[in-house]
Amino acid sequence: MTYLVCIENADGERLDARIAHSAAPAEELRARYDLDRVRLEVSPRDISEGPATLWRYAPLLPVADPRRVVSLGEGYTPLLSARRLARKLGLVELALKDEGRNPSGTFKDRGAAVAVSRYAELGVKTVAHNSSGNAGGSWSLYASRAGITCVNLLPADVQAASLQHCRATGQPTYLTENWHEAGRLIAEACERNGWLNICTLREPYRLEGKKTMGLEIAEQRGWKMPDAVFYPMGGGLGAIAIWKAFEELLSLGWVQGKMPRLYVTQYEGCAPAVKAFEEGRTECAPWGRIDIPPGGLKSPNPPGGRAVLKLIREHGGGAVAVATHEALAA
């Protein structure tokens, strides 16, 4: 990694990547790499000969010292062909990325592994965030592995398994009835205690870990772009990360094809991105009454909403609300 940049800053100011940064709510930090150097020193064949984890993509990840990598074997999950479902839907090809193979059973391990590794490298002692689903357990797991304290704020109706996962690691975990204000509560606690705020899009490295989903999709398809990606959207970070991966691969000249279309899905009972898309707006408005099962899609005001809507506008696609009973049946 070469530097960090705030993409909301008009002058594109570069930030020192040797310091742990936490962005303001209206900002978004991105890691930038010397892709010309990567292109000269690394090839797709080199990647294919790497470990069967997300760390095979180390040249495109922010951890400088491999000795600081905190890994439990995350990533490089299978891309499973769904032939019968493809025929039913009239598609030539359909594949499902099985993220349940990750150590804690969720793709959140990707972001946690890379970010925790980077923060261990930078000497960070305590991180804090609010999590409606699996991120709390994943960050708690990797932070414990690295000797970092991770403060979790969860909704009062959080799934029992997610709560147990956090508490099993011994990391400090709290519940709140006021979920709409959880981000503000964490920001105030971080300011008061000197903790690093790792909430969605408040720091740059979780995105870099989730980016490996896009890198894997391309590699597992023979370095070919898919035509479209369907993504269940909570905060929006995963979709943003996958598209960052595709952009970097195109810049490197490693893939065939053009940028895919993006389709995001949300429950009907909490669909701020779908509503914004259908109304032609560029930003999500906070959702009112939430009526969905507890979990990671419970994001009434997605931090990545504006960026996701921009990706849909630029590359095509859409946003679809799904009834809870249909989603659970699927």
Protein backbone atom coordinates (compact mmCIF):
# COMPACT_ATOMS: atom_id res chain seq x y z
CA MET A 1 0.00 0.00 0.00
CA THR A 2 1.29 3.44 -0.92
CA TYR A 3 -1.07 5.93 0.74
CA LEU A 4 -4.62 6.69 1.89
CA VAL A 5 -6.91 9.19 0.20
CA CYS A 6 -10.20 10.77 1.24
CA ILE A 7 -12.46 10.33 -1.79
CA GLU A 8 -14.83 13.05 -0.53
CA ASN A 9 -11.98 15.59 -0.46
CA ALA A 10 -12.05 17.72 -3.61
CA ASP A 11 -8.28 18.15 -3.74
CA GLY A 12 -7.60 14.43 -3.25
CA GLU A 13 -5.38 15.00 -0.24
CA ARG A 14 -3.14 12.03 0.51
CA LEU A 15 -2.92 10.78 4.08
CA ASP A 16 -0.02 9.02 5.76
CA ALA A 17 -0.78 5.29 5.81
CA ARG A 18 1.66 4.80 8.70
CA ILE A 19 -0.93 6.32 11.04
CA ALA A 20 -4.28 4.81 12.07
CA HIS A 21 -6.97 7.15 10.74
CA SER A 22 -10.68 7.30 11.55
CA ALA A 23 -12.75 9.31 9.09
CA ALA A 24 -15.54 11.75 9.80
CA PRO A 25 -19.04 10.47 8.90
CA ALA A 26 -19.13 12.39 5.60
CA GLU A 27 -15.70 11.15 4.51
CA GLU A 28 -14.55 7.87 3.05
CA LEU A 29 -10.92 6.76 3.19
CA ARG A 30 -9.50 4.48 0.53
CA ALA A 31 -6.19 2.64 0.33
CA ARG A 32 -4.21 3.20 -2.84
CA TYR A 33 -1.48 0.95 -4.25
CA ASP A 34 1.34 1.39 -6.73
CA LEU A 35 -0.36 -0.74 -9.38
CA ASP A 36 2.40 -0.08 -11.92
CA ARG A 37 4.87 -1.71 -9.54
CA VAL A 38 2.50 -4.59 -8.80
CA ARG A 39 2.07 -5.18 -12.53
CA LEU A 40 5.86 -5.40 -12.98
CA GLU A 41 6.53 -7.62 -9.98
CA VAL A 42 3.47 -9.90 -9.78
CA SER A 43 1.45 -11.91 -12.28
CA PRO A 44 -1.85 -13.80 -12.05
CA ARG A 45 0.18 -17.01 -12.10
CA ASP A 46 2.07 -15.86 -9.00
CA ILE A 47 -1.26 -15.29 -7.29
CA SER A 48 -2.51 -18.76 -8.21
CA GLU A 49 0.57 -20.29 -6.59
CA GLY A 50 -0.09 -18.52 -3.28
CA PRO A 51 -1.79 -19.90 -0.15
CA ALA A 52 -5.43 -20.99 -0.31
CA THR A 53 -6.48 -18.00 1.81
CA LEU A 54 -7.18 -14.36 1.07
CA TRP A 55 -3.51 -13.65 1.78
CA ARG A 56 -2.64 -14.94 -1.70
CA TYR A 57 -3.53 -11.34 -2.69
CA ALA A 58 -0.98 -9.80 -0.32
CA PRO A 59 0.42 -7.45 -3.03
CA LEU A 60 -3.03 -5.80 -3.11
CA LEU A 61 -3.52 -5.70 0.66
CA PRO A 62 -2.33 -3.07 3.18
CA VAL A 63 -0.22 -5.19 5.54
CA ALA A 64 3.46 -4.44 4.93
CA ASP A 65 5.05 -6.94 7.34
CA PRO A 66 3.91 -10.55 6.77
CA ARG A 67 4.92 -11.37 10.34
CA ARG A 68 2.02 -9.21 11.56
CA VAL A 69 -0.61 -11.10 9.60
CA VAL A 70 -3.42 -12.37 11.85
CA SER A 71 -4.98 -15.32 10.08
CA LEU A 72 -7.31 -18.18 10.91
CA GLY A 73 -7.46 -19.51 7.35
CA GLU A 74 -10.04 -17.05 6.02
CA GLY A 75 -10.92 -16.50 2.39
CA TYR A 76 -10.56 -18.35 -0.88
CA THR A 77 -14.03 -19.80 -0.45
CA PRO A 78 -15.55 -21.82 -3.30
CA LEU A 79 -17.56 -20.34 -6.15
CA LEU A 80 -20.27 -22.97 -6.58
CA SER A 81 -22.08 -23.50 -9.87
CA ALA A 82 -25.89 -23.44 -9.49
CA ARG A 83 -26.83 -25.10 -12.79
CA ARG A 84 -30.42 -26.09 -12.00
CA LEU A 85 -31.25 -22.67 -10.60
CA ALA A 86 -29.61 -21.04 -13.62
CA ARG A 87 -31.83 -23.07 -15.97
CA LYS A 88 -34.91 -22.17 -13.92
CA LEU A 89 -34.06 -18.47 -14.19
CA GLY A 90 -33.13 -18.65 -17.87
CA LEU A 91 -29.45 -17.89 -17.26
CA VAL A 92 -26.45 -19.36 -19.05
CA GLU A 93 -24.40 -19.40 -15.86
CA LEU A 94 -25.04 -18.73 -12.17
CA ALA A 95 -22.58 -19.17 -9.31
CA LEU A 96 -22.85 -18.73 -5.56
CA LYS A 97 -19.95 -17.60 -3.34
CA ASP A 98 -20.04 -19.81 -0.23
CA GLU A 99 -18.83 -17.47 2.51
CA GLY A 100 -20.00 -19.85 5.23
CA ARG A 101 -16.64 -21.61 4.90
CA ASN A 102 -14.85 -18.78 6.71
CA PRO A 103 -13.64 -19.41 10.31
CA SER A 104 -16.60 -17.73 12.03
CA GLY A 105 -19.03 -18.69 9.27
CA THR A 106 -19.25 -15.26 7.66
CA PHE A 107 -17.57 -13.06 5.06
CA LYS A 108 -17.00 -10.52 7.85
CA ASP A 109 -13.84 -12.50 8.66
CA ARG A 110 -12.22 -11.04 5.55
CA GLY A 111 -12.51 -7.46 6.72
CA ALA A 112 -11.62 -8.32 10.30
CA ALA A 113 -8.52 -10.34 9.37
CA VAL A 114 -7.00 -7.65 7.15
CA ALA A 115 -7.95 -4.67 9.31
CA VAL A 116 -6.84 -6.29 12.58
CA SER A 117 -3.55 -7.29 10.96
CA ARG A 118 -2.97 -3.73 9.82
CA TYR A 119 -3.89 -2.25 13.20
CA ALA A 120 -1.64 -4.72 14.98
CA GLU A 121 1.13 -3.53 12.66
CA LEU A 122 0.32 0.10 13.57
CA GLY A 123 0.25 -0.61 17.31
CA VAL A 124 -3.46 0.06 17.89
CA LYS A 125 -4.61 -1.16 21.32
CA THR A 126 -8.41 -0.72 21.34
CA VAL A 127 -11.02 -0.57 18.59
CA ALA A 128 -14.78 -0.05 18.91
CA HIS A 129 -17.84 -0.38 16.68
CA ASN A 130 -21.56 -1.10 16.52
CA SER A 131 -22.64 -4.34 14.86
CA SER A 132 -26.11 -5.63 14.05
CA GLY A 133 -24.97 -9.07 13.01
CA ASN A 134 -21.83 -11.14 12.56
CA ALA A 135 -19.20 -8.40 12.46
CA GLY A 136 -19.04 -8.18 16.25
CA GLY A 137 -18.15 -11.83 16.63
CA SER A 138 -15.69 -11.77 13.76
CA TRP A 139 -13.84 -8.66 14.96
CA SER A 140 -13.82 -10.00 18.52
CA LEU A 141 -12.27 -13.24 17.31
CA TYR A 142 -9.48 -11.67 15.29
CA ALA A 143 -8.81 -8.90 17.79
CA SER A 144 -8.40 -11.51 20.53
CA ARG A 145 -5.99 -13.40 18.32
CA ALA A 146 -3.94 -10.20 17.91
CA GLY A 147 -4.12 -9.07 21.55
CA ILE A 148 -6.28 -6.05 20.71
CA THR A 149 -9.35 -5.01 22.71
CA CYS A 150 -12.55 -4.78 20.64
CA VAL A 151 -15.52 -2.96 22.20
CA ASN A 152 -18.83 -4.14 20.70
CA LEU A 153 -22.19 -2.34 20.79
CA LEU A 154 -25.03 -4.61 19.63
CA PRO A 155 -28.80 -4.11 19.27
CA ALA A 156 -30.89 -5.46 22.14
CA ASP A 157 -32.61 -7.93 19.78
CA VAL A 158 -29.36 -9.29 18.36
CA GLN A 159 -29.29 -12.97 17.46
CA ALA A 160 -28.27 -15.09 20.43
CA ALA A 161 -25.46 -16.71 18.46
CA SER A 162 -23.92 -13.33 17.59
CA LEU A 163 -24.04 -12.21 21.22
CA GLN A 164 -22.55 -15.48 22.45
CA HIS A 165 -19.79 -15.29 19.86
CA CYS A 166 -18.73 -11.85 21.10
CA ARG A 167 -18.88 -12.81 24.76
CA ALA A 168 -17.06 -16.10 24.22
CA THR A 169 -13.96 -14.18 23.16
CA GLY A 170 -13.98 -12.15 26.39
CA GLN A 171 -14.24 -8.86 24.51
CA PRO A 172 -16.35 -6.08 26.15
CA THR A 173 -19.85 -6.27 24.66
CA TYR A 174 -22.85 -4.02 25.34
CA LEU A 175 -26.49 -3.91 24.19
CA THR A 176 -28.60 -0.90 23.26
CA GLU A 177 -32.33 -0.38 22.64
CA ASN A 178 -31.55 2.79 20.70
CA TRP A 179 -30.08 1.24 17.55
CA HIS A 180 -30.66 4.31 15.36
CA GLU A 181 -28.18 6.19 17.59
CA ALA A 182 -25.61 3.38 17.90
CA GLY A 183 -23.11 5.01 15.54
CA ARG A 184 -23.22 8.27 17.46
CA LEU A 185 -22.80 6.46 20.79
CA ILE A 186 -19.71 4.66 19.53
CA ALA A 187 -18.24 7.84 18.04
CA GLU A 188 -18.64 9.63 21.37
CA ALA A 189 -17.10 6.72 23.29
CA CYS A 190 -14.13 6.62 20.92
CA GLU A 191 -13.57 10.36 21.28
CA ARG A 192 -13.83 10.14 25.06
CA ASN A 193 -11.57 7.11 25.51
CA GLY A 194 -9.09 7.41 22.66
CA TRP A 195 -10.32 4.25 20.93
CA LEU A 196 -10.16 3.73 17.17
CA ASN A 197 -13.60 3.91 15.55
CA ILE A 198 -13.91 0.95 13.16
CA CYS A 199 -17.58 1.40 12.23
CA THR A 200 -18.48 0.82 8.59
CA LEU A 201 -16.58 3.25 6.33
CA ARG A 202 -15.03 5.06 9.30
CA GLU A 203 -11.71 3.32 8.58
CA PRO A 204 -10.23 2.00 5.31
CA TYR A 205 -8.97 -1.51 5.99
CA ARG A 206 -12.14 -3.54 6.53
CA LEU A 207 -12.96 -2.68 2.92
CA GLU A 208 -9.57 -3.99 1.78
CA GLY A 209 -10.30 -7.37 3.35
CA LYS A 210 -13.77 -7.61 1.84
CA LYS A 211 -12.25 -6.61 -1.50
CA THR A 212 -10.80 -10.11 -1.72
CA MET A 213 -14.27 -11.45 -2.56
CA GLY A 214 -14.04 -9.62 -5.87
CA LEU A 215 -10.45 -10.74 -6.45
CA GLU A 216 -11.48 -14.35 -5.85
CA ILE A 217 -14.54 -14.15 -8.09
CA ALA A 218 -12.36 -12.97 -10.97
CA GLU A 219 -9.62 -15.54 -10.37
CA GLN A 220 -12.05 -18.42 -9.92
CA ARG A 221 -13.69 -17.50 -13.23
CA GLY A 222 -10.36 -17.74 -15.03
CA TRP A 223 -9.67 -14.01 -14.63
CA LYS A 224 -12.90 -13.09 -16.39
CA MET A 225 -15.43 -10.54 -15.16
CA PRO A 226 -18.97 -11.71 -14.41
CA ASP A 227 -21.81 -9.95 -16.21
CA ALA A 228 -23.55 -9.05 -12.95
CA VAL A 229 -23.28 -9.49 -9.20
CA PHE A 230 -26.24 -9.76 -6.81
CA TYR A 231 -25.38 -8.65 -3.30
CA PRO A 232 -27.50 -8.61 -0.10
CA MET A 233 -26.96 -5.11 1.26
CA GLY A 234 -26.68 -3.98 4.85
CA GLY A 235 -24.25 -1.11 5.27
CA GLY A 236 -23.09 -1.41 1.65
CA LEU A 237 -19.39 -1.93 2.30
CA GLY A 238 -19.17 -5.37 0.70
CA ALA A 239 -20.50 -4.19 -2.65
CA ILE A 240 -18.19 -1.17 -2.63
CA ALA A 241 -15.24 -3.45 -1.83
CA ILE A 242 -15.98 -5.93 -4.61
CA TRP A 243 -16.12 -3.09 -7.16
CA LYS A 244 -12.83 -1.70 -5.88
CA ALA A 245 -11.31 -5.11 -6.56
CA PHE A 246 -12.69 -5.14 -10.10
CA GLU A 247 -11.34 -1.63 -10.74
CA GLU A 248 -7.86 -2.60 -9.56
CA LEU A 249 -7.86 -5.77 -11.66
CA LEU A 250 -8.84 -3.83 -14.76
CA SER A 251 -6.07 -1.31 -14.06
CA LEU A 252 -3.58 -4.16 -13.75
CA GLY A 253 -4.76 -5.71 -17.01
CA TRP A 254 -5.35 -9.04 -15.31
CA VAL A 255 -8.97 -9.57 -16.31
CA GLN A 256 -11.05 -9.84 -19.44
CA GLY A 257 -14.35 -8.02 -19.80
CA LYS A 258 -15.89 -4.83 -18.47
CA MET A 259 -17.24 -3.75 -15.10
CA PRO A 260 -20.27 -5.86 -14.12
CA ARG A 261 -23.73 -4.61 -13.29
CA LEU A 262 -24.56 -4.39 -9.59
CA TYR A 263 -27.86 -5.50 -8.09
CA VAL A 264 -28.41 -5.09 -4.36
CA THR A 265 -31.18 -6.74 -2.38
CA GLN A 266 -32.75 -5.73 0.93
CA TYR A 267 -35.62 -6.90 3.10
CA GLU A 268 -38.87 -5.03 2.45
CA GLY A 269 -38.94 -4.11 6.14
CA CYS A 270 -35.64 -2.21 5.93
CA ALA A 271 -34.90 -1.13 2.36
CA PRO A 272 -33.48 2.41 2.35
CA ALA A 273 -31.28 1.79 -0.71
CA VAL A 274 -34.14 0.27 -2.70
CA LYS A 275 -36.40 3.20 -1.86
CA ALA A 276 -33.71 5.71 -2.85
CA PHE A 277 -33.06 3.88 -6.13
CA GLU A 278 -36.75 3.70 -7.02
CA GLU A 279 -37.19 7.41 -6.25
CA GLY A 280 -34.13 8.39 -8.30
CA ARG A 281 -32.28 9.82 -5.32
CA THR A 282 -28.50 9.79 -4.88
CA GLU A 283 -28.56 9.19 -1.12
CA CYS A 284 -30.52 6.99 1.26
CA ALA A 285 -32.95 8.54 3.71
CA PRO A 286 -33.02 6.99 7.20
CA TRP A 287 -35.53 4.14 7.38
CA GLY A 288 -38.28 4.42 9.98
CA ARG A 289 -39.76 1.33 11.58
CA ILE A 290 -37.54 -1.71 11.07
CA ASP A 291 -39.42 -4.97 10.51
CA ILE A 292 -36.87 -7.63 9.61
CA PRO A 293 -35.18 -10.55 11.39
CA PRO A 294 -32.14 -9.64 13.52
CA GLY A 295 -28.90 -9.77 11.57
CA GLY A 296 -26.39 -7.96 9.43
CA LEU A 297 -28.96 -6.51 7.00
CA LYS A 298 -30.42 -4.35 9.77
CA SER A 299 -29.01 -1.05 8.53
CA PRO A 300 -31.65 1.72 8.56
CA ASN A 301 -29.23 4.37 7.29
CA PRO A 302 -26.49 2.50 5.39
CA PRO A 303 -23.13 4.32 5.55
CA GLY A 304 -22.30 3.13 2.04
CA GLY A 305 -25.67 3.98 0.54
CA ARG A 306 -24.50 6.92 -1.55
CA ALA A 307 -21.50 5.01 -2.94
CA VAL A 308 -23.61 1.95 -3.79
CA LEU A 309 -26.24 4.02 -5.58
CA LYS A 310 -23.44 5.70 -7.54
CA LEU A 311 -22.07 2.29 -8.61
CA ILE A 312 -25.52 1.23 -9.82
CA ARG A 313 -25.92 4.44 -11.82
CA GLU A 314 -22.45 4.16 -13.38
CA HIS A 315 -22.44 0.45 -14.23
CA GLY A 316 -26.09 -0.51 -14.49
CA GLY A 317 -28.08 -2.85 -12.31
CA GLY A 318 -30.72 -2.12 -9.71
CA ALA A 319 -32.00 -2.52 -6.18
CA VAL A 320 -34.70 -5.01 -5.20
CA ALA A 321 -36.72 -5.38 -1.99
CA VAL A 322 -37.55 -8.96 -0.99
CA ALA A 323 -40.31 -10.12 1.34
CA THR A 324 -38.98 -11.64 4.56
CA HIS A 325 -40.78 -14.96 4.06
CA GLU A 326 -39.38 -15.28 0.53
CA ALA A 327 -35.84 -14.52 1.68
CA LEU A 328 -36.03 -17.03 4.52
CA ALA A 329 -37.53 -19.67 2.22
CA ALA A 330 -34.68 -19.20 -0.24
